[in-house]
């Protein structure tokens, strides 16, 4: 089960929300990706959650695996990021509606998404 192409990247952020600019952050991230040779826009939307976490939505051309592999680019723009999570949409979980189902989902994610380690 490869991860859905529609992904959200959630970043724990420790700076005050009042100094955050969604458009500036999105543009800075896309500029950083471009400077590394990635010509397509990677980030479509950036915003703050109610808990002051940065939420990054990516464009359809990229997936969560790409973001995990390129987290150094993101941390170059957002050096205060302490951790991150990938939120996955469209996971067909009905096939795993059995007692050991969640263990199988975690194993599928690890098997087909190298470098991604589910935490729950």
PDB file of N, CA and C in Angstrom:
ATOM      1  N   UNK A   1       0.846  -1.165   0.000  1.00  0.00           N
ATOM      2  CA  UNK A   1       0.000   0.000   0.000  1.00  0.00           C
ATOM      3  C   UNK A   1       0.891   1.226   0.000  1.00  0.00           C
ATOM      4  N   UNK A   2       1.043   1.850  -1.138  1.00  0.00           N
ATOM      5  CA  UNK A   2       1.802   3.090  -1.211  1.00  0.00           C
ATOM      6  C   UNK A   2       0.935   4.212  -0.664  1.00  0.00           C
ATOM      7  N   UNK A   3       1.567   5.208  -0.089  1.00  0.00           N
ATOM      8  CA  UNK A   3       0.820   6.303   0.502  1.00  0.00           C
ATOM      9  C   UNK A   3       0.109   7.117  -0.559  1.00  0.00           C
ATOM     10  N   UNK A   4      -0.998   7.710  -0.159  1.00  0.00           N
ATOM     11  CA  UNK A   4      -1.771   8.570  -1.036  1.00  0.00           C
ATOM     12  C   UNK A   4      -0.911   9.732  -1.530  1.00  0.00           C
ATOM     13  N   UNK A   5      -1.188  10.197  -2.723  1.00  0.00           N
ATOM     14  CA  UNK A   5      -0.447  11.339  -3.250  1.00  0.00           C
ATOM     15  C   UNK A   5      -0.887  12.631  -2.570  1.00  0.00           C
ATOM     16  N   UNK A   6      -2.115  12.675  -2.043  1.00  0.00           N
ATOM     17  CA  UNK A   6      -2.561  13.864  -1.319  1.00  0.00           C
ATOM     18  C   UNK A   6      -2.063  13.749   0.113  1.00  0.00           C
ATOM     19  N   UNK A   7      -1.151  14.605   0.488  1.00  0.00           N
ATOM     20  CA  UNK A   7      -0.545  14.509   1.802  1.00  0.00           C
ATOM     21  C   UNK A   7      -0.470  15.855   2.473  1.00  0.00           C
ATOM     22  N   UNK A   8      -0.414  15.799   3.762  1.00  0.00           N
ATOM     23  CA  UNK A   8      -0.231  16.989   4.587  1.00  0.00           C
ATOM     24  C   UNK A   8       0.961  16.733   5.470  1.00  0.00           C
ATOM     25  N   UNK A   9       1.759  17.736   5.646  1.00  0.00           N
ATOM     26  CA  UNK A   9       2.944  17.664   6.490  1.00  0.00           C
ATOM     27  C   UNK A   9       2.683  18.568   7.681  1.00  0.00           C
ATOM     28  N   UNK A  10       2.691  18.024   8.881  1.00  0.00           N
ATOM     29  CA  UNK A  10       2.440  18.810  10.074  1.00  0.00           C
ATOM     30  C   UNK A  10       3.741  18.967  10.828  1.00  0.00           C
ATOM     31  N   UNK A  11       4.110  20.199  11.115  1.00  0.00           N
ATOM     32  CA  UNK A  11       5.377  20.482  11.764  1.00  0.00           C
ATOM     33  C   UNK A  11       5.154  21.143  13.115  1.00  0.00           C
ATOM     34  N   UNK A  12       5.759  20.595  14.144  1.00  0.00           N
ATOM     35  CA  UNK A  12       5.712  21.254  15.443  1.00  0.00           C
ATOM     36  C   UNK A  12       6.620  22.469  15.372  1.00  0.00           C
ATOM     37  N   UNK A  13       6.150  23.588  15.814  1.00  0.00           N
ATOM     38  CA  UNK A  13       6.878  24.839  15.650  1.00  0.00           C
ATOM     39  C   UNK A  13       6.893  25.570  16.982  1.00  0.00           C
ATOM     40  N   UNK A  14       8.015  26.160  17.356  1.00  0.00           N
ATOM     41  CA  UNK A  14       8.119  26.738  18.686  1.00  0.00           C
ATOM     42  C   UNK A  14       8.177  28.263  18.687  1.00  0.00           C
ATOM     43  N   UNK A  15       8.009  28.883  17.543  1.00  0.00           N
ATOM     44  CA  UNK A  15       8.031  30.341  17.472  1.00  0.00           C
ATOM     45  C   UNK A  15       6.611  30.878  17.663  1.00  0.00           C
ATOM     46  N   UNK A  16       6.483  32.099  18.111  1.00  0.00           N
ATOM     47  CA  UNK A  16       5.173  32.709  18.316  1.00  0.00           C
ATOM     48  C   UNK A  16       4.402  32.790  17.000  1.00  0.00           C
ATOM     49  N   UNK A  17       3.115  32.507  17.062  1.00  0.00           N
ATOM     50  CA  UNK A  17       2.271  32.541  15.870  1.00  0.00           C
ATOM     51  C   UNK A  17       2.195  33.938  15.268  1.00  0.00           C
ATOM     52  N   UNK A  18       2.359  34.975  16.061  1.00  0.00           N
ATOM     53  CA  UNK A  18       2.223  36.341  15.556  1.00  0.00           C
ATOM     54  C   UNK A  18       3.289  36.697  14.519  1.00  0.00           C
ATOM     55  N   UNK A  19       4.413  36.006  14.517  1.00  0.00           N
ATOM     56  CA  UNK A  19       5.473  36.309  13.556  1.00  0.00           C
ATOM     57  C   UNK A  19       5.427  35.410  12.320  1.00  0.00           C
ATOM     58  N   UNK A  20       4.395  34.595  12.191  1.00  0.00           N
ATOM     59  CA  UNK A  20       4.287  33.639  11.097  1.00  0.00           C
ATOM     60  C   UNK A  20       3.555  34.255   9.910  1.00  0.00           C
ATOM     61  N   UNK A  21       4.103  34.092   8.725  1.00  0.00           N
ATOM     62  CA  UNK A  21       3.455  34.522   7.488  1.00  0.00           C
ATOM     63  C   UNK A  21       3.287  33.304   6.581  1.00  0.00           C
ATOM     64  N   UNK A  22       2.046  32.899   6.353  1.00  0.00           N
ATOM     65  CA  UNK A  22       1.767  31.699   5.556  1.00  0.00           C
ATOM     66  C   UNK A  22       2.291  31.830   4.130  1.00  0.00           C
ATOM     67  N   UNK A  23       2.019  32.951   3.493  1.00  0.00           N
ATOM     68  CA  UNK A  23       2.434  33.131   2.100  1.00  0.00           C
ATOM     69  C   UNK A  23       3.954  33.211   1.996  1.00  0.00           C
ATOM     70  N   UNK A  24       4.566  33.959   2.882  1.00  0.00           N
ATOM     71  CA  UNK A  24       6.026  34.079   2.875  1.00  0.00           C
ATOM     72  C   UNK A  24       6.688  32.723   3.120  1.00  0.00           C
ATOM     73  N   UNK A  25       6.145  31.950   4.058  1.00  0.00           N
ATOM     74  CA  UNK A  25       6.698  30.620   4.357  1.00  0.00           C
ATOM     75  C   UNK A  25       6.548  29.698   3.159  1.00  0.00           C
ATOM     76  N   UNK A  26       5.347  29.691   2.550  1.00  0.00           N
ATOM     77  CA  UNK A  26       5.130  28.852   1.356  1.00  0.00           C
ATOM     78  C   UNK A  26       6.105  29.229   0.257  1.00  0.00           C
ATOM     79  N   UNK A  27       6.242  30.522  -0.003  1.00  0.00           N
ATOM     80  CA  UNK A  27       7.138  30.970  -1.067  1.00  0.00           C
ATOM     81  C   UNK A  27       8.592  30.645  -0.753  1.00  0.00           C
ATOM     82  N   UNK A  28       8.990  30.804   0.493  1.00  0.00           N
ATOM     83  CA  UNK A  28      10.368  30.472   0.888  1.00  0.00           C
ATOM     84  C   UNK A  28      10.648  28.980   0.708  1.00  0.00           C
ATOM     85  N   UNK A  29       9.680  28.142   1.077  1.00  0.00           N
ATOM     86  CA  UNK A  29       9.857  26.694   0.901  1.00  0.00           C
ATOM     87  C   UNK A  29       9.974  26.341  -0.581  1.00  0.00           C
ATOM     88  N   UNK A  30       9.084  26.896  -1.415  1.00  0.00           N
ATOM     89  CA  UNK A  30       9.143  26.603  -2.848  1.00  0.00           C
ATOM     90  C   UNK A  30      10.442  27.118  -3.469  1.00  0.00           C
ATOM     91  N   UNK A  31      10.919  28.267  -3.022  1.00  0.00           N
ATOM     92  CA  UNK A  31      12.199  28.791  -3.501  1.00  0.00           C
ATOM     93  C   UNK A  31      13.346  27.868  -3.101  1.00  0.00           C
ATOM     94  N   UNK A  32      13.297  27.357  -1.881  1.00  0.00           N
ATOM     95  CA  UNK A  32      14.347  26.437  -1.415  1.00  0.00           C
ATOM     96  C   UNK A  32      14.351  25.151  -2.234  1.00  0.00           C
ATOM     97  N   UNK A  33      13.180  24.610  -2.536  1.00  0.00           N
ATOM     98  CA  UNK A  33      13.116  23.413  -3.381  1.00  0.00           C
ATOM     99  C   UNK A  33      13.642  23.719  -4.782  1.00  0.00           C
ATOM    100  N   UNK A  34      13.280  24.870  -5.309  1.00  0.00           N
ATOM    101  CA  UNK A  34      13.752  25.271  -6.647  1.00  0.00           C
ATOM    102  C   UNK A  34      15.275  25.387  -6.675  1.00  0.00           C
ATOM    103  N   UNK A  35      15.861  25.926  -5.614  1.00  0.00           N
ATOM    104  CA  UNK A  35      17.325  26.081  -5.577  1.00  0.00           C
ATOM    105  C   UNK A  35      18.039  24.733  -5.532  1.00  0.00           C
ATOM    106  N   UNK A  36      17.310  23.678  -5.171  1.00  0.00           N
ATOM    107  CA  UNK A  36      17.878  22.326  -5.169  1.00  0.00           C
ATOM    108  C   UNK A  36      17.559  21.577  -6.464  1.00  0.00           C
ATOM    109  N   UNK A  37      17.040  22.304  -7.468  1.00  0.00           N
ATOM    110  CA  UNK A  37      16.809  21.703  -8.778  1.00  0.00           C
ATOM    111  C   UNK A  37      15.408  21.172  -9.004  1.00  0.00           C
ATOM    112  N   UNK A  38      14.496  21.394  -8.079  1.00  0.00           N
ATOM    113  CA  UNK A  38      13.118  20.920  -8.231  1.00  0.00           C
ATOM    114  C   UNK A  38      12.312  22.085  -8.802  1.00  0.00           C
ATOM    115  N   UNK A  39      11.987  22.007 -10.068  1.00  0.00           N
ATOM    116  CA  UNK A  39      11.398  23.152 -10.771  1.00  0.00           C
ATOM    117  C   UNK A  39       9.894  23.310 -10.543  1.00  0.00           C
ATOM    118  N   UNK A  40       9.179  22.211 -10.274  1.00  0.00           N
ATOM    119  CA  UNK A  40       7.747  22.306 -10.031  1.00  0.00           C
ATOM    120  C   UNK A  40       7.497  22.852  -8.633  1.00  0.00           C
ATOM    121  N   UNK A  41       6.350  23.503  -8.448  1.00  0.00           N
ATOM    122  CA  UNK A  41       5.972  23.962  -7.117  1.00  0.00           C
ATOM    123  C   UNK A  41       5.650  22.745  -6.250  1.00  0.00           C
ATOM    124  N   UNK A  42       6.237  22.671  -5.090  1.00  0.00           N
ATOM    125  CA  UNK A  42       6.049  21.540  -4.179  1.00  0.00           C
ATOM    126  C   UNK A  42       4.949  21.844  -3.171  1.00  0.00           C
ATOM    127  N   UNK A  43       4.962  23.041  -2.621  1.00  0.00           N
ATOM    128  CA  UNK A  43       4.056  23.408  -1.537  1.00  0.00           C
ATOM    129  C   UNK A  43       2.908  24.238  -2.097  1.00  0.00           C
ATOM    130  N   UNK A  44       1.660  23.819  -1.788  1.00  0.00           N
ATOM    131  CA  UNK A  44       0.506  24.579  -2.268  1.00  0.00           C
ATOM    132  C   UNK A  44      -0.040  25.525  -1.204  1.00  0.00           C
ATOM    133  N   UNK A  45      -0.107  25.075   0.028  1.00  0.00           N
ATOM    134  CA  UNK A  45      -0.693  25.872   1.105  1.00  0.00           C
ATOM    135  C   UNK A  45       0.112  25.659   2.377  1.00  0.00           C
ATOM    136  N   UNK A  46       0.308  26.725   3.128  1.00  0.00           N
ATOM    137  CA  UNK A  46       0.914  26.648   4.457  1.00  0.00           C
ATOM    138  C   UNK A  46       0.019  27.454   5.387  1.00  0.00           C
ATOM    139  N   UNK A  47      -0.286  26.887   6.557  1.00  0.00           N
ATOM    140  CA  UNK A  47      -1.069  27.634   7.540  1.00  0.00           C
ATOM    141  C   UNK A  47      -0.761  27.126   8.939  1.00  0.00           C
ATOM    142  N   UNK A  48      -1.212  27.867   9.928  1.00  0.00           N
ATOM    143  CA  UNK A  48      -1.020  27.485  11.326  1.00  0.00           C
ATOM    144  C   UNK A  48      -2.269  26.816  11.860  1.00  0.00           C
ATOM    145  N   UNK A  49      -2.077  25.750  12.615  1.00  0.00           N
ATOM    146  CA  UNK A  49      -3.204  25.113  13.294  1.00  0.00           C
ATOM    147  C   UNK A  49      -3.545  25.912  14.546  1.00  0.00           C
ATOM    148  N   UNK A  50      -4.611  25.528  15.198  1.00  0.00           N
ATOM    149  CA  UNK A  50      -5.008  26.211  16.435  1.00  0.00           C
ATOM    150  C   UNK A  50      -3.972  26.020  17.543  1.00  0.00           C
ATOM    151  N   UNK A  51      -3.107  25.007  17.403  1.00  0.00           N
ATOM    152  CA  UNK A  51      -2.053  24.752  18.391  1.00  0.00           C
ATOM    153  C   UNK A  51      -0.702  25.310  17.935  1.00  0.00           C
ATOM    154  N   UNK A  52      -0.727  26.192  16.955  1.00  0.00           N
ATOM    155  CA  UNK A  52       0.469  26.829  16.403  1.00  0.00           C
ATOM    156  C   UNK A  52       1.438  25.849  15.750  1.00  0.00           C
ATOM    157  N   UNK A  53       0.916  24.768  15.194  1.00  0.00           N
ATOM    158  CA  UNK A  53       1.719  23.888  14.353  1.00  0.00           C
ATOM    159  C   UNK A  53       1.607  24.370  12.920  1.00  0.00           C
ATOM    160  N   UNK A  54       2.675  24.228  12.172  1.00  0.00           N
ATOM    161  CA  UNK A  54       2.650  24.604  10.766  1.00  0.00           C
ATOM    162  C   UNK A  54       2.112  23.414   9.975  1.00  0.00           C
ATOM    163  N   UNK A  55       1.093  23.665   9.170  1.00  0.00           N
ATOM    164  CA  UNK A  55       0.512  22.639   8.305  1.00  0.00           C
ATOM    165  C   UNK A  55       0.936  22.974   6.880  1.00  0.00           C
ATOM    166  N   UNK A  56       1.532  21.998   6.207  1.00  0.00           N
ATOM    167  CA  UNK A  56       1.986  22.186   4.824  1.00  0.00           C
ATOM    168  C   UNK A  56       1.251  21.189   3.944  1.00  0.00           C
ATOM    169  N   UNK A  57       0.516  21.695   2.953  1.00  0.00           N
ATOM    170  CA  UNK A  57      -0.096  20.834   1.949  1.00  0.00           C
ATOM    171  C   UNK A  57       0.768  20.878   0.702  1.00  0.00           C
ATOM    172  N   UNK A  58       0.983  19.726   0.105  1.00  0.00           N
ATOM    173  CA  UNK A  58       1.820  19.654  -1.090  1.00  0.00           C
ATOM    174  C   UNK A  58       0.963  19.572  -2.342  1.00  0.00           C
ATOM    175  N   UNK A  59       1.571  19.894  -3.468  1.00  0.00           N
ATOM    176  CA  UNK A  59       0.879  19.818  -4.750  1.00  0.00           C
ATOM    177  C   UNK A  59       0.743  18.349  -5.163  1.00  0.00           C
ATOM    178  N   UNK A  60      -0.190  18.049  -6.065  1.00  0.00           N
ATOM    179  CA  UNK A  60      -0.438  16.649  -6.448  1.00  0.00           C
ATOM    180  C   UNK A  60       0.750  15.936  -7.082  1.00  0.00           C
ATOM    181  N   UNK A  61       1.728  16.667  -7.588  1.00  0.00           N
ATOM    182  CA  UNK A  61       2.883  16.045  -8.244  1.00  0.00           C
ATOM    183  C   UNK A  61       3.837  15.375  -7.258  1.00  0.00           C
ATOM    184  N   UNK A  62       3.672  15.644  -5.983  1.00  0.00           N
ATOM    185  CA  UNK A  62       4.589  15.125  -4.965  1.00  0.00           C
ATOM    186  C   UNK A  62       3.811  14.332  -3.925  1.00  0.00           C
ATOM    187  N   UNK A  63       4.535  13.565  -3.114  1.00  0.00           N
ATOM    188  CA  UNK A  63       3.886  12.787  -2.070  1.00  0.00           C
ATOM    189  C   UNK A  63       4.650  12.920  -0.760  1.00  0.00           C
ATOM    190  N   UNK A  64       4.125  12.294   0.265  1.00  0.00           N
ATOM    191  CA  UNK A  64       4.719  12.411   1.592  1.00  0.00           C
ATOM    192  C   UNK A  64       6.130  11.833   1.625  1.00  0.00           C
ATOM    193  N   UNK A  65       6.389  10.792   0.863  1.00  0.00           N
ATOM    194  CA  UNK A  65       7.721  10.194   0.824  1.00  0.00           C
ATOM    195  C   UNK A  65       8.747  11.215   0.334  1.00  0.00           C
ATOM    196  N   UNK A  66       8.366  12.009  -0.651  1.00  0.00           N
ATOM    197  CA  UNK A  66       9.248  13.056  -1.163  1.00  0.00           C
ATOM    198  C   UNK A  66       9.609  14.045  -0.058  1.00  0.00           C
ATOM    199  N   UNK A  67       8.613  14.441   0.741  1.00  0.00           N
ATOM    200  CA  UNK A  67       8.874  15.385   1.826  1.00  0.00           C
ATOM    201  C   UNK A  67       9.788  14.798   2.885  1.00  0.00           C
ATOM    202  N   UNK A  68       9.582  13.548   3.209  1.00  0.00           N
ATOM    203  CA  UNK A  68      10.439  12.897   4.207  1.00  0.00           C
ATOM    204  C   UNK A  68      11.879  12.856   3.694  1.00  0.00           C
ATOM    205  N   UNK A  69      12.051  12.512   2.423  1.00  0.00           N
ATOM    206  CA  UNK A  69      13.392  12.432   1.844  1.00  0.00           C
ATOM    207  C   UNK A  69      14.061  13.800   1.740  1.00  0.00           C
ATOM    208  N   UNK A  70      13.270  14.863   1.707  1.00  0.00           N
ATOM    209  CA  UNK A  70      13.806  16.213   1.535  1.00  0.00           C
ATOM    210  C   UNK A  70      13.565  17.100   2.748  1.00  0.00           C
ATOM    211  N   UNK A  71      13.482  16.488   3.918  1.00  0.00           N
ATOM    212  CA  UNK A  71      13.210  17.269   5.117  1.00  0.00           C
ATOM    213  C   UNK A  71      14.320  18.272   5.426  1.00  0.00           C
ATOM    214  N   UNK A  72      15.530  18.031   4.949  1.00  0.00           N
ATOM    215  CA  UNK A  72      16.625  18.982   5.179  1.00  0.00           C
ATOM    216  C   UNK A  72      16.322  20.321   4.502  1.00  0.00           C
ATOM    217  N   UNK A  73      15.662  20.286   3.350  1.00  0.00           N
ATOM    218  CA  UNK A  73      15.288  21.526   2.666  1.00  0.00           C
ATOM    219  C   UNK A  73      14.288  22.298   3.525  1.00  0.00           C
ATOM    220  N   UNK A  74      13.330  21.592   4.075  1.00  0.00           N
ATOM    221  CA  UNK A  74      12.315  22.235   4.916  1.00  0.00           C
ATOM    222  C   UNK A  74      12.957  22.809   6.170  1.00  0.00           C
ATOM    223  N   UNK A  75      13.830  22.046   6.794  1.00  0.00           N
ATOM    224  CA  UNK A  75      14.489  22.534   8.008  1.00  0.00           C
ATOM    225  C   UNK A  75      15.436  23.691   7.722  1.00  0.00           C
ATOM    226  N   UNK A  76      15.899  23.818   6.481  1.00  0.00           N
ATOM    227  CA  UNK A  76      16.707  24.971   6.109  1.00  0.00           C
ATOM    228  C   UNK A  76      15.897  26.262   6.128  1.00  0.00           C
ATOM    229  N   UNK A  77      14.613  26.148   5.837  1.00  0.00           N
ATOM    230  CA  UNK A  77      13.718  27.307   5.855  1.00  0.00           C
ATOM    231  C   UNK A  77      13.104  27.490   7.238  1.00  0.00           C
ATOM    232  N   UNK A  78      12.793  26.387   7.893  1.00  0.00           N
ATOM    233  CA  UNK A  78      12.145  26.409   9.215  1.00  0.00           C
ATOM    234  C   UNK A  78      13.044  25.706  10.229  1.00  0.00           C
ATOM    235  N   UNK A  79      14.142  26.340  10.620  1.00  0.00           N
ATOM    236  CA  UNK A  79      15.118  25.662  11.479  1.00  0.00           C
ATOM    237  C   UNK A  79      14.609  25.339  12.885  1.00  0.00           C
ATOM    238  N   UNK A  80      13.521  25.955  13.309  1.00  0.00           N
ATOM    239  CA  UNK A  80      13.020  25.703  14.659  1.00  0.00           C
ATOM    240  C   UNK A  80      12.056  24.525  14.740  1.00  0.00           C
ATOM    241  N   UNK A  81      11.851  23.865  13.616  1.00  0.00           N
ATOM    242  CA  UNK A  81      10.967  22.701  13.613  1.00  0.00           C
ATOM    243  C   UNK A  81      11.589  21.610  14.481  1.00  0.00           C
ATOM    244  N   UNK A  82      10.803  21.088  15.408  1.00  0.00           N
ATOM    245  CA  UNK A  82      11.331  20.084  16.317  1.00  0.00           C
ATOM    246  C   UNK A  82      10.929  18.666  15.932  1.00  0.00           C
ATOM    247  N   UNK A  83       9.819  18.517  15.250  1.00  0.00           N
ATOM    248  CA  UNK A  83       9.366  17.191  14.820  1.00  0.00           C
ATOM    249  C   UNK A  83       8.355  17.375  13.697  1.00  0.00           C
ATOM    250  N   UNK A  84       7.983  16.283  13.063  1.00  0.00           N
ATOM    251  CA  UNK A  84       6.979  16.366  12.022  1.00  0.00           C
ATOM    252  C   UNK A  84       6.175  15.085  11.972  1.00  0.00           C
ATOM    253  N   UNK A  85       4.999  15.193  11.359  1.00  0.00           N
ATOM    254  CA  UNK A  85       4.138  14.046  11.102  1.00  0.00           C
ATOM    255  C   UNK A  85       3.643  14.170   9.669  1.00  0.00           C
ATOM    256  N   UNK A  86       3.337  13.054   9.063  1.00  0.00           N
ATOM    257  CA  UNK A  86       2.709  13.046   7.755  1.00  0.00           C
ATOM    258  C   UNK A  86       1.302  12.523   7.953  1.00  0.00           C
ATOM    259  N   UNK A  87       0.324  13.274   7.468  1.00  0.00           N
ATOM    260  CA  UNK A  87      -1.067  12.853   7.548  1.00  0.00           C
ATOM    261  C   UNK A  87      -1.452  12.338   6.172  1.00  0.00           C
ATOM    262  N   UNK A  88      -2.007  11.148   6.128  1.00  0.00           N
ATOM    263  CA  UNK A  88      -2.289  10.477   4.861  1.00  0.00           C
ATOM    264  C   UNK A  88      -3.797  10.421   4.646  1.00  0.00           C
ATOM    265  N   UNK A  89      -4.222  10.784   3.441  1.00  0.00           N
ATOM    266  CA  UNK A  89      -5.629  10.710   3.072  1.00  0.00           C
ATOM    267  C   UNK A  89      -5.847   9.552   2.110  1.00  0.00           C
ATOM    268  N   UNK A  90      -7.020   8.979   2.130  1.00  0.00           N
ATOM    269  CA  UNK A  90      -7.398   7.982   1.149  1.00  0.00           C
ATOM    270  C   UNK A  90      -6.829   6.597   1.390  1.00  0.00           C
ATOM    271  N   UNK A  91      -6.485   6.280   2.614  1.00  0.00           N
ATOM    272  CA  UNK A  91      -5.964   4.958   2.940  1.00  0.00           C
ATOM    273  C   UNK A  91      -7.134   3.975   3.008  1.00  0.00           C
ATOM    274  N   UNK A  92      -7.143   2.913   2.200  1.00  0.00           N
ATOM    275  CA  UNK A  92      -8.277   1.976   2.185  1.00  0.00           C
ATOM    276  C   UNK A  92      -8.224   1.019   3.381  1.00  0.00           C
ATOM    277  N   UNK A  93      -8.704   1.466   4.526  1.00  0.00           N
ATOM    278  CA  UNK A  93      -8.564   0.674   5.750  1.00  0.00           C
ATOM    279  C   UNK A  93      -9.620  -0.418   5.895  1.00  0.00           C
ATOM    280  N   UNK A  94     -10.707  -0.378   5.113  1.00  0.00           N
ATOM    281  CA  UNK A  94     -11.742  -1.403   5.250  1.00  0.00           C
ATOM    282  C   UNK A  94     -11.200  -2.816   4.991  1.00  0.00           C
ATOM    283  N   UNK A  95     -10.148  -2.941   4.215  1.00  0.00           N
ATOM    284  CA  UNK A  95      -9.539  -4.243   3.952  1.00  0.00           C
ATOM    285  C   UNK A  95      -8.820  -4.795   5.172  1.00  0.00           C
ATOM    286  N   UNK A  96      -8.591  -3.936   6.142  1.00  0.00           N
ATOM    287  CA  UNK A  96      -7.849  -4.325   7.334  1.00  0.00           C
ATOM    288  C   UNK A  96      -8.751  -4.385   8.558  1.00  0.00           C
ATOM    289  N   UNK A  97     -10.046  -4.564   8.337  1.00  0.00           N
ATOM    290  CA  UNK A  97     -11.016  -4.616   9.432  1.00  0.00           C
ATOM    291  C   UNK A  97     -11.059  -6.025  10.027  1.00  0.00           C
ATOM    292  N   UNK A  98      -9.915  -6.411  10.590  1.00  0.00           N
ATOM    293  CA  UNK A  98      -9.746  -7.704  11.249  1.00  0.00           C
ATOM    294  C   UNK A  98      -8.975  -7.449  12.538  1.00  0.00           C
ATOM    295  N   UNK A  99      -8.951  -8.381  13.475  1.00  0.00           N
ATOM    296  CA  UNK A  99      -8.280  -8.119  14.761  1.00  0.00           C
ATOM    297  C   UNK A  99      -6.839  -7.631  14.642  1.00  0.00           C
ATOM    298  N   UNK A 100      -6.061  -8.188  13.726  1.00  0.00           N
ATOM    299  CA  UNK A 100      -4.666  -7.765  13.574  1.00  0.00           C
ATOM    300  C   UNK A 100      -4.507  -6.692  12.494  1.00  0.00           C
ATOM    301  N   UNK A 101      -5.607  -6.051  12.135  1.00  0.00           N
ATOM    302  CA  UNK A 101      -5.632  -5.095  11.032  1.00  0.00           C
ATOM    303  C   UNK A 101      -4.666  -3.936  11.168  1.00  0.00           C
ATOM    304  N   UNK A 102      -4.609  -3.296  12.340  1.00  0.00           N
ATOM    305  CA  UNK A 102      -3.736  -2.126  12.486  1.00  0.00           C
ATOM    306  C   UNK A 102      -2.272  -2.515  12.360  1.00  0.00           C
ATOM    307  N   UNK A 103      -1.900  -3.672  12.877  1.00  0.00           N
ATOM    308  CA  UNK A 103      -0.524  -4.143  12.703  1.00  0.00           C
ATOM    309  C   UNK A 103      -0.205  -4.339  11.221  1.00  0.00           C
ATOM    310  N   UNK A 104      -1.170  -4.851  10.467  1.00  0.00           N
ATOM    311  CA  UNK A 104      -0.961  -5.044   9.033  1.00  0.00           C
ATOM    312  C   UNK A 104      -0.828  -3.704   8.302  1.00  0.00           C
ATOM    313  N   UNK A 105      -1.637  -2.713   8.689  1.00  0.00           N
ATOM    314  CA  UNK A 105      -1.536  -1.388   8.075  1.00  0.00           C
ATOM    315  C   UNK A 105      -0.146  -0.815   8.306  1.00  0.00           C
ATOM    316  N   UNK A 106       0.339  -0.885   9.541  1.00  0.00           N
ATOM    317  CA  UNK A 106       1.665  -0.358   9.855  1.00  0.00           C
ATOM    318  C   UNK A 106       2.754  -1.078   9.061  1.00  0.00           C
ATOM    319  N   UNK A 107       2.625  -2.385   8.940  1.00  0.00           N
ATOM    320  CA  UNK A 107       3.610  -3.163   8.188  1.00  0.00           C
ATOM    321  C   UNK A 107       3.579  -2.801   6.704  1.00  0.00           C
ATOM    322  N   UNK A 108       2.377  -2.598   6.151  1.00  0.00           N
ATOM    323  CA  UNK A 108       2.247  -2.198   4.750  1.00  0.00           C
ATOM    324  C   UNK A 108       2.906  -0.840   4.511  1.00  0.00           C
ATOM    325  N   UNK A 109       2.685   0.101   5.414  1.00  0.00           N
ATOM    326  CA  UNK A 109       3.281   1.433   5.266  1.00  0.00           C
ATOM    327  C   UNK A 109       4.797   1.320   5.272  1.00  0.00           C
ATOM    328  N   UNK A 110       5.352   0.551   6.203  1.00  0.00           N
ATOM    329  CA  UNK A 110       6.810   0.393   6.283  1.00  0.00           C
ATOM    330  C   UNK A 110       7.371  -0.292   5.032  1.00  0.00           C
ATOM    331  N   UNK A 111       6.680  -1.309   4.548  1.00  0.00           N
ATOM    332  CA  UNK A 111       7.154  -2.092   3.409  1.00  0.00           C
ATOM    333  C   UNK A 111       7.183  -1.278   2.127  1.00  0.00           C
ATOM    334  N   UNK A 112       6.140  -0.498   1.878  1.00  0.00           N
ATOM    335  CA  UNK A 112       6.015   0.180   0.603  1.00  0.00           C
ATOM    336  C   UNK A 112       6.392   1.654   0.639  1.00  0.00           C
ATOM    337  N   UNK A 113       6.925   2.117   1.747  1.00  0.00           N
ATOM    338  CA  UNK A 113       7.314   3.532   1.889  1.00  0.00           C
ATOM    339  C   UNK A 113       8.609   3.590   2.674  1.00  0.00           C
ATOM    340  N   UNK A 114       9.692   3.210   2.033  1.00  0.00           N
ATOM    341  CA  UNK A 114      11.003   3.137   2.684  1.00  0.00           C
ATOM    342  C   UNK A 114      11.360   4.474   3.335  1.00  0.00           C
ATOM    343  N   UNK A 115      11.886   4.394   4.547  1.00  0.00           N
ATOM    344  CA  UNK A 115      12.301   5.574   5.270  1.00  0.00           C
ATOM    345  C   UNK A 115      11.221   6.214   6.105  1.00  0.00           C
ATOM    346  N   UNK A 116       9.982   5.733   5.987  1.00  0.00           N
ATOM    347  CA  UNK A 116       8.879   6.277   6.760  1.00  0.00           C
ATOM    348  C   UNK A 116       8.592   5.319   7.902  1.00  0.00           C
ATOM    349  N   UNK A 117       8.625   5.822   9.114  1.00  0.00           N
ATOM    350  CA  UNK A 117       8.411   4.988  10.286  1.00  0.00           C
ATOM    351  C   UNK A 117       7.151   5.451  11.020  1.00  0.00           C
ATOM    352  N   UNK A 118       6.037   4.705  10.881  1.00  0.00           N
ATOM    353  CA  UNK A 118       4.803   5.095  11.573  1.00  0.00           C
ATOM    354  C   UNK A 118       4.981   5.073  13.079  1.00  0.00           C
ATOM    355  N   UNK A 119       4.356   6.035  13.750  1.00  0.00           N
ATOM    356  CA  UNK A 119       4.447   6.065  15.211  1.00  0.00           C
ATOM    357  C   UNK A 119       3.192   5.543  15.868  1.00  0.00           C
ATOM    358  N   UNK A 120       2.100   5.495  15.138  1.00  0.00           N
ATOM    359  CA  UNK A 120       0.870   4.907  15.683  1.00  0.00           C
ATOM    360  C   UNK A 120      -0.087   4.617  14.562  1.00  0.00           C
TER     361      UNK A 120
END
